Amino acid sequence: MNDWQFAQENPAEQLAQLYFFSIMKRQTGGDIPFRITVKEFAAPPPGQRLRFFAEADKPVNQKTASFVPCGWGNTVFNALVDCVRLIRQFPYEGEEPPVRA
């Protein structure tokens, strides 16, 4: 256990350390940048067994059933991989103009 985790007195506080990642979603019409934030909770949030939660900064699949890619895991890697898999799997159909290579 890292020492920062001892700063949390009550699990309801949901103290977390943040990790930031970025990925370019390659798709027809141009690349779309995504920022992913992974939270490492000092203790799993209520109702969870896992301490790591990854979430993208924008939704995908907007024209059918819009959702924000996310993932839970027991490591930064596991949570990040789940989130990236969803970014790759579903199209970005939003308003942000694609980045031209």
PDB file of N, CA and C in Angstrom:
ATOM      1  N   MET A   1       0.851  -1.182   0.000  1.00  0.00           N
ATOM      2  CA  MET A   1       0.000   0.000   0.000  1.00  0.00           C
ATOM      3  C   MET A   1       0.894   1.242   0.000  1.00  0.00           C
ATOM      4  N   ASN A   2       0.580   2.185  -0.874  1.00  0.00           N
ATOM      5  CA  ASN A   2       1.319   3.440  -0.923  1.00  0.00           C
ATOM      6  C   ASN A   2       0.912   4.343   0.235  1.00  0.00           C
ATOM      7  N   ASP A   3       1.841   5.186   0.681  1.00  0.00           N
ATOM      8  CA  ASP A   3       1.560   6.015   1.852  1.00  0.00           C
ATOM      9  C   ASP A   3       0.458   7.046   1.619  1.00  0.00           C
ATOM     10  N   TRP A   4       0.240   7.514   0.377  1.00  0.00           N
ATOM     11  CA  TRP A   4      -0.817   8.502   0.129  1.00  0.00           C
ATOM     12  C   TRP A   4      -2.195   7.954   0.510  1.00  0.00           C
ATOM     13  N   GLN A   5      -2.357   6.662   0.448  1.00  0.00           N
ATOM     14  CA  GLN A   5      -3.651   6.045   0.744  1.00  0.00           C
ATOM     15  C   GLN A   5      -4.044   6.204   2.214  1.00  0.00           C
ATOM     16  N   PHE A   6      -3.062   6.414   3.082  1.00  0.00           N
ATOM     17  CA  PHE A   6      -3.346   6.601   4.504  1.00  0.00           C
ATOM     18  C   PHE A   6      -3.958   7.973   4.797  1.00  0.00           C
ATOM     19  N   ALA A   7      -3.953   8.892   3.813  1.00  0.00           N
ATOM     20  CA  ALA A   7      -4.560  10.210   3.997  1.00  0.00           C
ATOM     21  C   ALA A   7      -6.080  10.121   4.049  1.00  0.00           C
ATOM     22  N   GLN A   8      -6.645   9.038   3.539  1.00  0.00           N
ATOM     23  CA  GLN A   8      -8.098   8.863   3.560  1.00  0.00           C
ATOM     24  C   GLN A   8      -8.535   8.343   4.928  1.00  0.00           C
ATOM     25  N   GLU A   9      -9.423   9.064   5.572  1.00  0.00           N
ATOM     26  CA  GLU A   9      -9.943   8.637   6.867  1.00  0.00           C
ATOM     27  C   GLU A   9     -11.209   7.812   6.734  1.00  0.00           C
ATOM     28  N   ASN A  10     -11.978   8.081   5.679  1.00  0.00           N
ATOM     29  CA  ASN A  10     -13.273   7.435   5.502  1.00  0.00           C
ATOM     30  C   ASN A  10     -13.390   7.008   4.039  1.00  0.00           C
ATOM     31  N   PRO A  11     -13.712   5.741   3.735  1.00  0.00           N
ATOM     32  CA  PRO A  11     -13.839   5.303   2.350  1.00  0.00           C
ATOM     33  C   PRO A  11     -14.844   6.119   1.531  1.00  0.00           C
ATOM     34  N   ALA A  12     -15.814   6.749   2.186  1.00  0.00           N
ATOM     35  CA  ALA A  12     -16.786   7.576   1.469  1.00  0.00           C
ATOM     36  C   ALA A  12     -16.129   8.803   0.828  1.00  0.00           C
ATOM     37  N   GLU A  13     -14.931   9.169   1.285  1.00  0.00           N
ATOM     38  CA  GLU A  13     -14.214  10.303   0.693  1.00  0.00           C
ATOM     39  C   GLU A  13     -13.740  10.001  -0.731  1.00  0.00           C
ATOM     40  N   GLN A  14     -13.551   8.735  -1.051  1.00  0.00           N
ATOM     41  CA  GLN A  14     -13.111   8.272  -2.368  1.00  0.00           C
ATOM     42  C   GLN A  14     -11.837   8.987  -2.842  1.00  0.00           C
ATOM     43  N   LEU A  15     -10.849   9.058  -1.973  1.00  0.00           N
ATOM     44  CA  LEU A  15      -9.549   9.615  -2.336  1.00  0.00           C
ATOM     45  C   LEU A  15      -8.950   8.784  -3.464  1.00  0.00           C
ATOM     46  N   ALA A  16      -8.416   9.458  -4.486  1.00  0.00           N
ATOM     47  CA  ALA A  16      -7.857   8.737  -5.634  1.00  0.00           C
ATOM     48  C   ALA A  16      -6.642   9.465  -6.196  1.00  0.00           C
ATOM     49  N   GLN A  17      -5.717   8.692  -6.701  1.00  0.00           N
ATOM     50  CA  GLN A  17      -4.583   9.216  -7.461  1.00  0.00           C
ATOM     51  C   GLN A  17      -4.954   9.101  -8.934  1.00  0.00           C
ATOM     52  N   LEU A  18      -4.612  10.127  -9.740  1.00  0.00           N
ATOM     53  CA  LEU A  18      -4.987  10.134 -11.151  1.00  0.00           C
ATOM     54  C   LEU A  18      -3.793   9.850 -12.058  1.00  0.00           C
ATOM     55  N   TYR A  19      -4.066   9.092 -13.125  1.00  0.00           N
ATOM     56  CA  TYR A  19      -3.092   8.819 -14.183  1.00  0.00           C
ATOM     57  C   TYR A  19      -3.734   9.267 -15.491  1.00  0.00           C
ATOM     58  N   PHE A  20      -2.967   9.923 -16.367  1.00  0.00           N
ATOM     59  CA  PHE A  20      -3.508  10.426 -17.626  1.00  0.00           C
ATOM     60  C   PHE A  20      -2.834   9.751 -18.809  1.00  0.00           C
ATOM     61  N   PHE A  21      -3.657   9.407 -19.823  1.00  0.00           N
ATOM     62  CA  PHE A  21      -3.176   8.774 -21.049  1.00  0.00           C
ATOM     63  C   PHE A  21      -3.893   9.421 -22.226  1.00  0.00           C
ATOM     64  N   SER A  22      -3.319   9.294 -23.412  1.00  0.00           N
ATOM     65  CA  SER A  22      -4.005   9.760 -24.617  1.00  0.00           C
ATOM     66  C   SER A  22      -3.836   8.726 -25.712  1.00  0.00           C
ATOM     67  N   ILE A  23      -4.814   8.713 -26.626  1.00  0.00           N
ATOM     68  CA  ILE A  23      -4.792   7.791 -27.755  1.00  0.00           C
ATOM     69  C   ILE A  23      -5.485   8.475 -28.929  1.00  0.00           C
ATOM     70  N   MET A  24      -5.023   8.196 -30.136  1.00  0.00           N
ATOM     71  CA  MET A  24      -5.673   8.687 -31.347  1.00  0.00           C
ATOM     72  C   MET A  24      -6.508   7.551 -31.912  1.00  0.00           C
ATOM     73  N   LYS A  25      -7.800   7.779 -32.030  1.00  0.00           N
ATOM     74  CA  LYS A  25      -8.683   6.780 -32.639  1.00  0.00           C
ATOM     75  C   LYS A  25      -8.587   6.948 -34.141  1.00  0.00           C
ATOM     76  N   ARG A  26      -8.124   5.910 -34.806  1.00  0.00           N
ATOM     77  CA  ARG A  26      -7.982   5.920 -36.253  1.00  0.00           C
ATOM     78  C   ARG A  26      -9.305   5.502 -36.876  1.00  0.00           C
ATOM     79  N   GLN A  27      -9.867   6.367 -37.709  1.00  0.00           N
ATOM     80  CA  GLN A  27     -11.091   6.006 -38.403  1.00  0.00           C
ATOM     81  C   GLN A  27     -11.175   6.792 -39.704  1.00  0.00           C
ATOM     82  N   THR A  28     -12.025   6.343 -40.603  1.00  0.00           N
ATOM     83  CA  THR A  28     -12.213   7.003 -41.883  1.00  0.00           C
ATOM     84  C   THR A  28     -12.607   8.457 -41.652  1.00  0.00           C
ATOM     85  N   GLY A  29     -11.981   9.343 -42.370  1.00  0.00           N
ATOM     86  CA  GLY A  29     -12.300  10.758 -42.220  1.00  0.00           C
ATOM     87  C   GLY A  29     -11.349  11.501 -41.311  1.00  0.00           C
ATOM     88  N   GLY A  30     -10.489  10.796 -40.601  1.00  0.00           N
ATOM     89  CA  GLY A  30      -9.502  11.450 -39.753  1.00  0.00           C
ATOM     90  C   GLY A  30      -9.392  10.820 -38.380  1.00  0.00           C
ATOM     91  N   ASP A  31      -8.373  11.225 -37.675  1.00  0.00           N
ATOM     92  CA  ASP A  31      -8.093  10.701 -36.345  1.00  0.00           C
ATOM     93  C   ASP A  31      -8.788  11.568 -35.285  1.00  0.00           C
ATOM     94  N   ILE A  32      -9.230  10.917 -34.227  1.00  0.00           N
ATOM     95  CA  ILE A  32      -9.899  11.606 -33.121  1.00  0.00           C
ATOM     96  C   ILE A  32      -9.079  11.391 -31.849  1.00  0.00           C
ATOM     97  N   PRO A  33      -8.619  12.478 -31.209  1.00  0.00           N
ATOM     98  CA  PRO A  33      -7.851  12.326 -29.964  1.00  0.00           C
ATOM     99  C   PRO A  33      -8.771  12.068 -28.772  1.00  0.00           C
ATOM    100  N   PHE A  34      -8.380  11.121 -27.950  1.00  0.00           N
ATOM    101  CA  PHE A  34      -9.089  10.825 -26.703  1.00  0.00           C
ATOM    102  C   PHE A  34      -8.111  10.970 -25.545  1.00  0.00           C
ATOM    103  N   ARG A  35      -8.590  11.514 -24.443  1.00  0.00           N
ATOM    104  CA  ARG A  35      -7.818  11.562 -23.207  1.00  0.00           C
ATOM    105  C   ARG A  35      -8.493  10.594 -22.238  1.00  0.00           C
ATOM    106  N   ILE A  36      -7.697   9.756 -21.603  1.00  0.00           N
ATOM    107  CA  ILE A  36      -8.218   8.767 -20.655  1.00  0.00           C
ATOM    108  C   ILE A  36      -7.638   9.075 -19.277  1.00  0.00           C
ATOM    109  N   THR A  37      -8.520   9.143 -18.293  1.00  0.00           N
ATOM    110  CA  THR A  37      -8.100   9.342 -16.906  1.00  0.00           C
ATOM    111  C   THR A  37      -8.352   8.044 -16.153  1.00  0.00           C
ATOM    112  N   VAL A  38      -7.310   7.553 -15.491  1.00  0.00           N
ATOM    113  CA  VAL A  38      -7.447   6.366 -14.644  1.00  0.00           C
ATOM    114  C   VAL A  38      -7.337   6.836 -13.192  1.00  0.00           C
ATOM    115  N   LYS A  39      -8.338   6.466 -12.398  1.00  0.00           N
ATOM    116  CA  LYS A  39      -8.329   6.776 -10.967  1.00  0.00           C
ATOM    117  C   LYS A  39      -7.922   5.527 -10.200  1.00  0.00           C
ATOM    118  N   GLU A  40      -6.934   5.684  -9.322  1.00  0.00           N
ATOM    119  CA  GLU A  40      -6.566   4.621  -8.383  1.00  0.00           C
ATOM    120  C   GLU A  40      -7.142   5.019  -7.032  1.00  0.00           C
ATOM    121  N   PHE A  41      -8.183   4.364  -6.622  1.00  0.00           N
ATOM    122  CA  PHE A  41      -8.827   4.690  -5.353  1.00  0.00           C
ATOM    123  C   PHE A  41      -8.033   4.104  -4.186  1.00  0.00           C
ATOM    124  N   ALA A  42      -7.982   4.844  -3.074  1.00  0.00           N
ATOM    125  CA  ALA A  42      -7.320   4.340  -1.870  1.00  0.00           C
ATOM    126  C   ALA A  42      -8.024   3.075  -1.380  1.00  0.00           C
ATOM    127  N   ALA A  43      -9.334   3.043  -1.505  1.00  0.00           N
ATOM    128  CA  ALA A  43     -10.156   1.871  -1.190  1.00  0.00           C
ATOM    129  C   ALA A  43     -11.234   1.804  -2.269  1.00  0.00           C
ATOM    130  N   PRO A  44     -11.629   0.624  -2.695  1.00  0.00           N
ATOM    131  CA  PRO A  44     -12.673   0.541  -3.726  1.00  0.00           C
ATOM    132  C   PRO A  44     -13.914   1.338  -3.320  1.00  0.00           C
ATOM    133  N   PRO A  45     -14.527   2.049  -4.274  1.00  0.00           N
ATOM    134  CA  PRO A  45     -15.753   2.788  -3.968  1.00  0.00           C
ATOM    135  C   PRO A  45     -16.867   1.832  -3.536  1.00  0.00           C
ATOM    136  N   PRO A  46     -17.874   2.353  -2.855  1.00  0.00           N
ATOM    137  CA  PRO A  46     -18.984   1.502  -2.425  1.00  0.00           C
ATOM    138  C   PRO A  46     -19.575   0.725  -3.605  1.00  0.00           C
ATOM    139  N   GLY A  47     -19.767  -0.567  -3.410  1.00  0.00           N
ATOM    140  CA  GLY A  47     -20.326  -1.413  -4.449  1.00  0.00           C
ATOM    141  C   GLY A  47     -19.313  -1.983  -5.425  1.00  0.00           C
ATOM    142  N   GLN A  48     -18.040  -1.647  -5.261  1.00  0.00           N
ATOM    143  CA  GLN A  48     -16.990  -2.143  -6.164  1.00  0.00           C
ATOM    144  C   GLN A  48     -15.979  -2.979  -5.399  1.00  0.00           C
ATOM    145  N   ARG A  49     -15.351  -3.914  -6.115  1.00  0.00           N
ATOM    146  CA  ARG A  49     -14.252  -4.693  -5.533  1.00  0.00           C
ATOM    147  C   ARG A  49     -12.906  -4.194  -6.046  1.00  0.00           C
ATOM    148  N   LEU A  50     -12.945  -3.455  -7.185  1.00  0.00           N
ATOM    149  CA  LEU A  50     -11.727  -3.050  -7.874  1.00  0.00           C
ATOM    150  C   LEU A  50     -11.362  -1.610  -7.548  1.00  0.00           C
ATOM    151  N   ARG A  51     -10.065  -1.310  -7.559  1.00  0.00           N
ATOM    152  CA  ARG A  51      -9.590   0.016  -7.156  1.00  0.00           C
ATOM    153  C   ARG A  51      -9.270   0.946  -8.316  1.00  0.00           C
ATOM    154  N   PHE A  52      -9.232   0.441  -9.554  1.00  0.00           N
ATOM    155  CA  PHE A  52      -8.826   1.268 -10.693  1.00  0.00           C
ATOM    156  C   PHE A  52      -9.992   1.458 -11.658  1.00  0.00           C
ATOM    157  N   PHE A  53     -10.257   2.731 -12.022  1.00  0.00           N
ATOM    158  CA  PHE A  53     -11.344   3.064 -12.935  1.00  0.00           C
ATOM    159  C   PHE A  53     -10.814   3.992 -14.015  1.00  0.00           C
ATOM    160  N   ALA A  54     -10.984   3.603 -15.286  1.00  0.00           N
ATOM    161  CA  ALA A  54     -10.556   4.412 -16.427  1.00  0.00           C
ATOM    162  C   ALA A  54     -11.778   4.961 -17.142  1.00  0.00           C
ATOM    163  N   GLU A  55     -11.692   6.226 -17.592  1.00  0.00           N
ATOM    164  CA  GLU A  55     -12.811   6.846 -18.303  1.00  0.00           C
ATOM    165  C   GLU A  55     -12.272   7.800 -19.364  1.00  0.00           C
ATOM    166  N   ALA A  56     -12.845   7.707 -20.574  1.00  0.00           N
ATOM    167  CA  ALA A  56     -12.462   8.585 -21.675  1.00  0.00           C
ATOM    168  C   ALA A  56     -13.100   9.960 -21.497  1.00  0.00           C
ATOM    169  N   ASP A  57     -12.593  10.931 -22.250  1.00  0.00           N
ATOM    170  CA  ASP A  57     -13.084  12.301 -22.126  1.00  0.00           C
ATOM    171  C   ASP A  57     -14.246  12.629 -23.049  1.00  0.00           C
ATOM    172  N   LYS A  58     -14.634  11.690 -23.920  1.00  0.00           N
ATOM    173  CA  LYS A  58     -15.756  11.953 -24.820  1.00  0.00           C
ATOM    174  C   LYS A  58     -16.482  10.663 -25.153  1.00  0.00           C
ATOM    175  N   PRO A  59     -17.739  10.772 -25.555  1.00  0.00           N
ATOM    176  CA  PRO A  59     -18.518   9.577 -25.881  1.00  0.00           C
ATOM    177  C   PRO A  59     -18.191   9.030 -27.269  1.00  0.00           C
ATOM    178  N   VAL A  60     -18.625   7.809 -27.508  1.00  0.00           N
ATOM    179  CA  VAL A  60     -18.552   7.166 -28.825  1.00  0.00           C
ATOM    180  C   VAL A  60     -19.958   6.660 -29.156  1.00  0.00           C
ATOM    181  N   ASN A  61     -20.146   6.224 -30.413  1.00  0.00           N
ATOM    182  CA  ASN A  61     -21.402   5.603 -30.827  1.00  0.00           C
ATOM    183  C   ASN A  61     -22.600   6.540 -30.632  1.00  0.00           C
ATOM    184  N   GLN A  62     -22.371   7.851 -30.843  1.00  0.00           N
ATOM    185  CA  GLN A  62     -23.367   8.866 -30.533  1.00  0.00           C
ATOM    186  C   GLN A  62     -24.680   8.726 -31.303  1.00  0.00           C
ATOM    187  N   LYS A  63     -24.650   8.224 -32.518  1.00  0.00           N
ATOM    188  CA  LYS A  63     -25.867   8.168 -33.342  1.00  0.00           C
ATOM    189  C   LYS A  63     -26.747   6.955 -33.034  1.00  0.00           C
ATOM    190  N   THR A  64     -26.216   5.973 -32.316  1.00  0.00           N
ATOM    191  CA  THR A  64     -26.993   4.771 -32.012  1.00  0.00           C
ATOM    192  C   THR A  64     -27.328   4.696 -30.526  1.00  0.00           C
ATOM    193  N   ALA A  65     -26.318   4.529 -29.720  1.00  0.00           N
ATOM    194  CA  ALA A  65     -26.486   4.450 -28.267  1.00  0.00           C
ATOM    195  C   ALA A  65     -25.226   5.023 -27.636  1.00  0.00           C
ATOM    196  N   SER A  66     -25.213   6.318 -27.498  1.00  0.00           N
ATOM    197  CA  SER A  66     -24.034   7.037 -27.014  1.00  0.00           C
ATOM    198  C   SER A  66     -23.621   6.580 -25.607  1.00  0.00           C
ATOM    199  N   PHE A  67     -22.313   6.410 -25.407  1.00  0.00           N
ATOM    200  CA  PHE A  67     -21.779   6.111 -24.082  1.00  0.00           C
ATOM    201  C   PHE A  67     -20.327   6.552 -24.013  1.00  0.00           C
ATOM    202  N   VAL A  68     -19.854   6.762 -22.805  1.00  0.00           N
ATOM    203  CA  VAL A  68     -18.463   7.139 -22.574  1.00  0.00           C
ATOM    204  C   VAL A  68     -17.684   5.866 -22.251  1.00  0.00           C
ATOM    205  N   PRO A  69     -16.650   5.556 -23.043  1.00  0.00           N
ATOM    206  CA  PRO A  69     -15.855   4.357 -22.766  1.00  0.00           C
ATOM    207  C   PRO A  69     -15.232   4.416 -21.373  1.00  0.00           C
ATOM    208  N   CYS A  70     -15.261   3.283 -20.684  1.00  0.00           N
ATOM    209  CA  CYS A  70     -14.689   3.208 -19.347  1.00  0.00           C
ATOM    210  C   CYS A  70     -14.274   1.769 -19.070  1.00  0.00           C
ATOM    211  N   GLY A  71     -13.606   1.556 -17.962  1.00  0.00           N
ATOM    212  CA  GLY A  71     -13.223   0.211 -17.574  1.00  0.00           C
ATOM    213  C   GLY A  71     -12.771   0.165 -16.134  1.00  0.00           C
ATOM    214  N   TRP A  72     -13.014  -0.959 -15.496  1.00  0.00           N
ATOM    215  CA  TRP A  72     -12.564  -1.218 -14.126  1.00  0.00           C
ATOM    216  C   TRP A  72     -11.491  -2.290 -14.163  1.00  0.00           C
ATOM    217  N   GLY A  73     -10.582  -2.283 -13.199  1.00  0.00           N
ATOM    218  CA  GLY A  73      -9.584  -3.335 -13.123  1.00  0.00           C
ATOM    219  C   GLY A  73      -8.878  -3.350 -11.785  1.00  0.00           C
ATOM    220  N   ASN A  74      -8.056  -4.388 -11.590  1.00  0.00           N
ATOM    221  CA  ASN A  74      -7.276  -4.477 -10.354  1.00  0.00           C
ATOM    222  C   ASN A  74      -5.890  -3.875 -10.528  1.00  0.00           C
ATOM    223  N   THR A  75      -5.613  -3.329 -11.744  1.00  0.00           N
ATOM    224  CA  THR A  75      -4.373  -2.596 -12.020  1.00  0.00           C
ATOM    225  C   THR A  75      -4.701  -1.449 -12.975  1.00  0.00           C
ATOM    226  N   VAL A  76      -3.785  -0.485 -13.083  1.00  0.00           N
ATOM    227  CA  VAL A  76      -3.932   0.591 -14.067  1.00  0.00           C
ATOM    228  C   VAL A  76      -4.071  -0.029 -15.454  1.00  0.00           C
ATOM    229  N   PHE A  77      -3.230  -1.012 -15.745  1.00  0.00           N
ATOM    230  CA  PHE A  77      -3.226  -1.661 -17.047  1.00  0.00           C
ATOM    231  C   PHE A  77      -4.590  -2.258 -17.390  1.00  0.00           C
ATOM    232  N   ASN A  78      -5.175  -3.027 -16.485  1.00  0.00           N
ATOM    233  CA  ASN A  78      -6.461  -3.677 -16.757  1.00  0.00           C
ATOM    234  C   ASN A  78      -7.572  -2.662 -17.020  1.00  0.00           C
ATOM    235  N   ALA A  79      -7.650  -1.621 -16.221  1.00  0.00           N
ATOM    236  CA  ALA A  79      -8.680  -0.603 -16.413  1.00  0.00           C
ATOM    237  C   ALA A  79      -8.457   0.139 -17.734  1.00  0.00           C
ATOM    238  N   LEU A  80      -7.204   0.494 -18.029  1.00  0.00           N
ATOM    239  CA  LEU A  80      -6.881   1.202 -19.262  1.00  0.00           C
ATOM    240  C   LEU A  80      -7.203   0.364 -20.490  1.00  0.00           C
ATOM    241  N   VAL A  81      -6.840  -0.908 -20.479  1.00  0.00           N
ATOM    242  CA  VAL A  81      -7.099  -1.796 -21.616  1.00  0.00           C
ATOM    243  C   VAL A  81      -8.594  -1.911 -21.890  1.00  0.00           C
ATOM    244  N   ASP A  82      -9.419  -2.031 -20.859  1.00  0.00           N
ATOM    245  CA  ASP A  82     -10.870  -2.109 -21.049  1.00  0.00           C
ATOM    246  C   ASP A  82     -11.407  -0.845 -21.720  1.00  0.00           C
ATOM    247  N   CYS A  83     -10.946   0.301 -21.284  1.00  0.00           N
ATOM    248  CA  CYS A  83     -11.398   1.570 -21.844  1.00  0.00           C
ATOM    249  C   CYS A  83     -10.949   1.715 -23.305  1.00  0.00           C
ATOM    250  N   VAL A  84      -9.695   1.419 -23.586  1.00  0.00           N
ATOM    251  CA  VAL A  84      -9.155   1.522 -24.948  1.00  0.00           C
ATOM    252  C   VAL A  84      -9.885   0.562 -25.890  1.00  0.00           C
ATOM    253  N   ARG A  85     -10.195  -0.621 -25.426  1.00  0.00           N
ATOM    254  CA  ARG A  85     -10.917  -1.601 -26.248  1.00  0.00           C
ATOM    255  C   ARG A  85     -12.253  -1.022 -26.721  1.00  0.00           C
ATOM    256  N   LEU A  86     -12.972  -0.333 -25.840  1.00  0.00           N
ATOM    257  CA  LEU A  86     -14.259   0.262 -26.214  1.00  0.00           C
ATOM    258  C   LEU A  86     -14.086   1.436 -27.172  1.00  0.00           C
ATOM    259  N   ILE A  87     -13.022   2.219 -26.991  1.00  0.00           N
ATOM    260  CA  ILE A  87     -12.745   3.318 -27.928  1.00  0.00           C
ATOM    261  C   ILE A  87     -12.504   2.751 -29.324  1.00  0.00           C
ATOM    262  N   ARG A  88     -11.740   1.684 -29.411  1.00  0.00           N
ATOM    263  CA  ARG A  88     -11.448   1.063 -30.708  1.00  0.00           C
ATOM    264  C   ARG A  88     -12.677   0.408 -31.327  1.00  0.00           C
ATOM    265  N   GLN A  89     -13.530  -0.172 -30.503  1.00  0.00           N
ATOM    266  CA  GLN A  89     -14.653  -0.976 -30.978  1.00  0.00           C
ATOM    267  C   GLN A  89     -15.797  -0.153 -31.575  1.00  0.00           C
ATOM    268  N   PHE A  90     -16.031   1.051 -31.056  1.00  0.00           N
ATOM    269  CA  PHE A  90     -17.185   1.835 -31.478  1.00  0.00           C
ATOM    270  C   PHE A  90     -16.746   3.113 -32.188  1.00  0.00           C
ATOM    271  N   PRO A  91     -17.534   3.572 -33.186  1.00  0.00           N
ATOM    272  CA  PRO A  91     -17.161   4.771 -33.930  1.00  0.00           C
ATOM    273  C   PRO A  91     -17.367   6.041 -33.120  1.00  0.00           C
ATOM    274  N   TYR A  92     -16.528   7.040 -33.398  1.00  0.00           N
ATOM    275  CA  TYR A  92     -16.764   8.376 -32.875  1.00  0.00           C
ATOM    276  C   TYR A  92     -17.589   9.107 -33.928  1.00  0.00           C
ATOM    277  N   GLU A  93     -18.775   9.592 -33.556  1.00  0.00           N
ATOM    278  CA  GLU A  93     -19.678  10.239 -34.498  1.00  0.00           C
ATOM    279  C   GLU A  93     -20.066  11.636 -34.034  1.00  0.00           C
ATOM    280  N   GLY A  94     -19.194  12.260 -33.274  1.00  0.00           N
ATOM    281  CA  GLY A  94     -19.514  13.545 -32.662  1.00  0.00           C
ATOM    282  C   GLY A  94     -19.183  14.737 -33.529  1.00  0.00           C
ATOM    283  N   GLU A  95     -19.222  15.889 -32.887  1.00  0.00           N
ATOM    284  CA  GLU A  95     -19.027  17.161 -33.558  1.00  0.00           C
ATOM    285  C   GLU A  95     -17.563  17.577 -33.707  1.00  0.00           C
ATOM    286  N   GLU A  96     -16.691  16.950 -32.920  1.00  0.00           N
ATOM    287  CA  GLU A  96     -15.283  17.352 -32.954  1.00  0.00           C
ATOM    288  C   GLU A  96     -14.689  17.055 -34.341  1.00  0.00           C
ATOM    289  N   PRO A  97     -14.053  18.067 -34.978  1.00  0.00           N
ATOM    290  CA  PRO A  97     -13.474  17.813 -36.292  1.00  0.00           C
ATOM    291  C   PRO A  97     -12.289  16.840 -36.181  1.00  0.00           C
ATOM    292  N   PRO A  98     -12.173  15.915 -37.132  1.00  0.00           N
ATOM    293  CA  PRO A  98     -11.062  14.969 -37.093  1.00  0.00           C
ATOM    294  C   PRO A  98      -9.732  15.654 -37.351  1.00  0.00           C
ATOM    295  N   VAL A  99      -8.668  15.069 -36.836  1.00  0.00           N
ATOM    296  CA  VAL A  99      -7.314  15.547 -37.071  1.00  0.00           C
ATOM    297  C   VAL A  99      -6.837  14.937 -38.374  1.00  0.00           C
ATOM    298  N   ARG A 100      -6.457  15.779 -39.315  1.00  0.00           N
ATOM    299  CA  ARG A 100      -5.968  15.292 -40.607  1.00  0.00           C
ATOM    300  C   ARG A 100      -4.481  15.016 -40.514  1.00  0.00           C
ATOM    301  N   ALA A 101      -4.078  13.862 -41.037  1.00  0.00           N
ATOM    302  CA  ALA A 101      -2.653  13.482 -40.994  1.00  0.00           C
ATOM    303  C   ALA A 101      -1.899  14.063 -42.161  1.00  0.00           C
TER     304      ALA A 101
END
